[in-house]
Each structure stands twice: as C-alpha cells, then as structure tokens.
Amino acid sequence: MKPVFEAFGTLSWLTPLTGLIELVAGILIIFFPKTRALGAIMILPVMIGILCHNATFMPSGLLIAGALFLVNLWMIGDNWKKYQTMVS
C-alpha cells in the first residue's frame, strides 16, 4: 500500500485538482439549486474513486462511502431530464 501513496505523492497536481472539483461541485449542489445537476455529475468520478479506494484499502469506510454514492446517484436520477439532451 505504501507504493500507491508514494505514487500519489509524485503527482503534486492531483490532490489540489480533486479538492477543487469537490469544492466547486459542493457549492453548485448546496447553494445553487439550478446547478445541482451539474454538481452531481462533477462529483460522480470523485465518488467512484472514493468508493473504489474504500473497497480496496479501507473496507471499514465502505458503508459511508456507499451511502454518499447512493445519494449522488439519487441526485442524478432526480435530475435525469436535464441530462437527456446530453445522452440522446
């Protein structure tokens, strides 16, 4: 597990980028209801990464990560009509 964290340490741009995406998506979800769909899509890849990380390295956090992932999927499902133009 140590080589994995050393690899993430060499990518000095990855952690700030992930933090920025989380911050912007959270602001879009919480403060601006019209942009909730955009925030939910922005945070989805980060949530998948968190879920995979917890499943692989820290199974004790899988319950909370899974619950947050389900909330994210619920937000996407709730805003599905906004995404239909992108999908079709």
C-alpha atoms as a PDB file:
ATOM      1  CA  MET A   1       0.000   0.000   0.000  1.00  0.00           C
ATOM      2  CA  LYS A   2       2.939   2.306   0.592  1.00  0.00           C
ATOM      3  CA  PRO A   3       3.945   2.432  -3.117  1.00  0.00           C
ATOM      4  CA  VAL A   4       0.417   3.546  -4.015  1.00  0.00           C
ATOM      5  CA  PHE A   5       0.610   6.544  -1.684  1.00  0.00           C
ATOM      6  CA  GLU A   6       4.138   7.338  -2.894  1.00  0.00           C
ATOM      7  CA  ALA A   7       2.810   7.356  -6.465  1.00  0.00           C
ATOM      8  CA  PHE A   8       0.048   9.776  -5.496  1.00  0.00           C
ATOM      9  CA  GLY A   9       2.678  11.923  -3.781  1.00  0.00           C
ATOM     10  CA  THR A  10       4.648  12.323  -7.008  1.00  0.00           C
ATOM     11  CA  LEU A  11       1.559  13.722  -8.736  1.00  0.00           C
ATOM     12  CA  SER A  12       1.542  17.052  -6.939  1.00  0.00           C
ATOM     13  CA  TRP A  13      -1.352  18.381  -9.037  1.00  0.00           C
ATOM     14  CA  LEU A  14      -3.787  15.527  -8.331  1.00  0.00           C
ATOM     15  CA  THR A  15      -4.828  16.340  -4.768  1.00  0.00           C
ATOM     16  CA  PRO A  16      -5.471  20.070  -5.375  1.00  0.00           C
ATOM     17  CA  LEU A  17      -7.441  19.227  -8.536  1.00  0.00           C
ATOM     18  CA  THR A  18      -9.602  16.714  -6.692  1.00  0.00           C
ATOM     19  CA  GLY A  19     -10.143  19.185  -3.865  1.00  0.00           C
ATOM     20  CA  LEU A  20     -11.102  21.944  -6.286  1.00  0.00           C
ATOM     21  CA  ILE A  21     -13.602  19.678  -8.058  1.00  0.00           C
ATOM     22  CA  GLU A  22     -15.113  18.642  -4.717  1.00  0.00           C
ATOM     23  CA  LEU A  23     -15.371  22.269  -3.590  1.00  0.00           C
ATOM     24  CA  VAL A  24     -16.928  23.589  -6.802  1.00  0.00           C
ATOM     25  CA  ALA A  25     -19.343  20.646  -7.084  1.00  0.00           C
ATOM     26  CA  GLY A  26     -20.357  21.030  -3.440  1.00  0.00           C
ATOM     27  CA  ILE A  27     -21.033  24.747  -3.907  1.00  0.00           C
ATOM     28  CA  LEU A  28     -23.096  24.021  -7.029  1.00  0.00           C
ATOM     29  CA  ILE A  29     -25.113  21.381  -5.189  1.00  0.00           C
ATOM     30  CA  ILE A  30     -25.699  23.239  -1.933  1.00  0.00           C
ATOM     31  CA  PHE A  31     -26.037  26.920  -2.816  1.00  0.00           C
ATOM     32  CA  PHE A  32     -27.420  26.988  -6.351  1.00  0.00           C
ATOM     33  CA  PRO A  33     -30.397  24.630  -6.876  1.00  0.00           C
ATOM     34  CA  LYS A  34     -30.471  25.281 -10.636  1.00  0.00           C
ATOM     35  CA  THR A  35     -26.914  23.901 -10.961  1.00  0.00           C
ATOM     36  CA  ARG A  36     -27.461  20.838  -8.767  1.00  0.00           C
ATOM     37  CA  ALA A  37     -27.413  18.536 -11.820  1.00  0.00           C
ATOM     38  CA  LEU A  38     -24.027  19.880 -12.928  1.00  0.00           C
ATOM     39  CA  GLY A  39     -22.596  19.496  -9.425  1.00  0.00           C
ATOM     40  CA  ALA A  40     -23.846  15.911  -9.187  1.00  0.00           C
ATOM     41  CA  ILE A  41     -22.179  14.981 -12.486  1.00  0.00           C
ATOM     42  CA  MET A  42     -18.959  16.750 -11.499  1.00  0.00           C
ATOM     43  CA  ILE A  43     -18.684  14.874  -8.210  1.00  0.00           C
ATOM     44  CA  LEU A  44     -19.560  11.441  -9.689  1.00  0.00           C
ATOM     45  CA  PRO A  45     -15.999  10.460 -10.801  1.00  0.00           C
ATOM     46  CA  VAL A  46     -14.616  11.561  -7.444  1.00  0.00           C
ATOM     47  CA  MET A  47     -17.250   9.477  -5.642  1.00  0.00           C
ATOM     48  CA  ILE A  48     -16.418   6.440  -7.770  1.00  0.00           C
ATOM     49  CA  GLY A  49     -12.747   6.894  -6.854  1.00  0.00           C
ATOM     50  CA  ILE A  50     -13.602   7.182  -3.163  1.00  0.00           C
ATOM     51  CA  LEU A  51     -15.785   4.082  -3.360  1.00  0.00           C
ATOM     52  CA  CYS A  52     -13.053   2.064  -5.119  1.00  0.00           C
ATOM     53  CA  HIS A  53     -10.402   3.282  -2.687  1.00  0.00           C
ATOM     54  CA  ASN A  54     -12.508   2.284   0.308  1.00  0.00           C
ATOM     55  CA  ALA A  55     -13.351  -1.087  -1.223  1.00  0.00           C
ATOM     56  CA  THR A  56      -9.660  -1.792  -1.841  1.00  0.00           C
ATOM     57  CA  PHE A  57      -7.759  -0.222   1.035  1.00  0.00           C
ATOM     58  CA  MET A  58     -10.208   0.681   3.789  1.00  0.00           C
ATOM     59  CA  PRO A  59     -13.313  -1.539   3.849  1.00  0.00           C
ATOM     60  CA  SER A  60     -14.366  -0.054   7.186  1.00  0.00           C
ATOM     61  CA  GLY A  61     -15.286   3.197   5.388  1.00  0.00           C
ATOM     62  CA  LEU A  62     -17.240   1.434   2.673  1.00  0.00           C
ATOM     63  CA  LEU A  63     -20.613   1.904   4.383  1.00  0.00           C
ATOM     64  CA  ILE A  64     -20.373   5.691   4.483  1.00  0.00           C
ATOM     65  CA  ALA A  65     -18.833   5.911   1.002  1.00  0.00           C
ATOM     66  CA  GLY A  66     -21.607   3.684  -0.338  1.00  0.00           C
ATOM     67  CA  ALA A  67     -24.273   5.829   1.309  1.00  0.00           C
ATOM     68  CA  LEU A  68     -22.817   9.015  -0.193  1.00  0.00           C
ATOM     69  CA  PHE A  69     -22.551   7.302  -3.582  1.00  0.00           C
ATOM     70  CA  LEU A  70     -26.234   6.370  -3.383  1.00  0.00           C
ATOM     71  CA  VAL A  71     -27.118   9.977  -2.529  1.00  0.00           C
ATOM     72  CA  ASN A  72     -25.144  11.074  -5.597  1.00  0.00           C
ATOM     73  CA  LEU A  73     -26.985   8.558  -7.770  1.00  0.00           C
ATOM     74  CA  TRP A  74     -30.279   9.782  -6.311  1.00  0.00           C
ATOM     75  CA  MET A  75     -29.415  13.376  -7.263  1.00  0.00           C
ATOM     76  CA  ILE A  76     -28.526  12.269 -10.785  1.00  0.00           C
ATOM     77  CA  GLY A  77     -31.764  10.275 -11.063  1.00  0.00           C
ATOM     78  CA  ASP A  78     -33.750  13.208  -9.739  1.00  0.00           C
ATOM     79  CA  ASN A  79     -32.275  15.476 -12.431  1.00  0.00           C
ATOM     80  CA  TRP A  80     -32.354  12.909 -15.246  1.00  0.00           C
ATOM     81  CA  LYS A  81     -34.443  15.106 -17.554  1.00  0.00           C
ATOM     82  CA  LYS A  82     -31.639  17.677 -17.582  1.00  0.00           C
ATOM     83  CA  TYR A  83     -29.175  15.018 -18.786  1.00  0.00           C
ATOM     84  CA  GLN A  84     -31.351  13.594 -21.572  1.00  0.00           C
ATOM     85  CA  THR A  85     -30.140  16.125 -24.130  1.00  0.00           C
ATOM     86  CA  MET A  86     -26.537  15.052 -23.465  1.00  0.00           C
ATOM     87  CA  VAL A  87     -27.344  11.358 -23.757  1.00  0.00           C
ATOM     88  CA  SER A  88     -29.562  11.477 -26.844  1.00  0.00           C
END
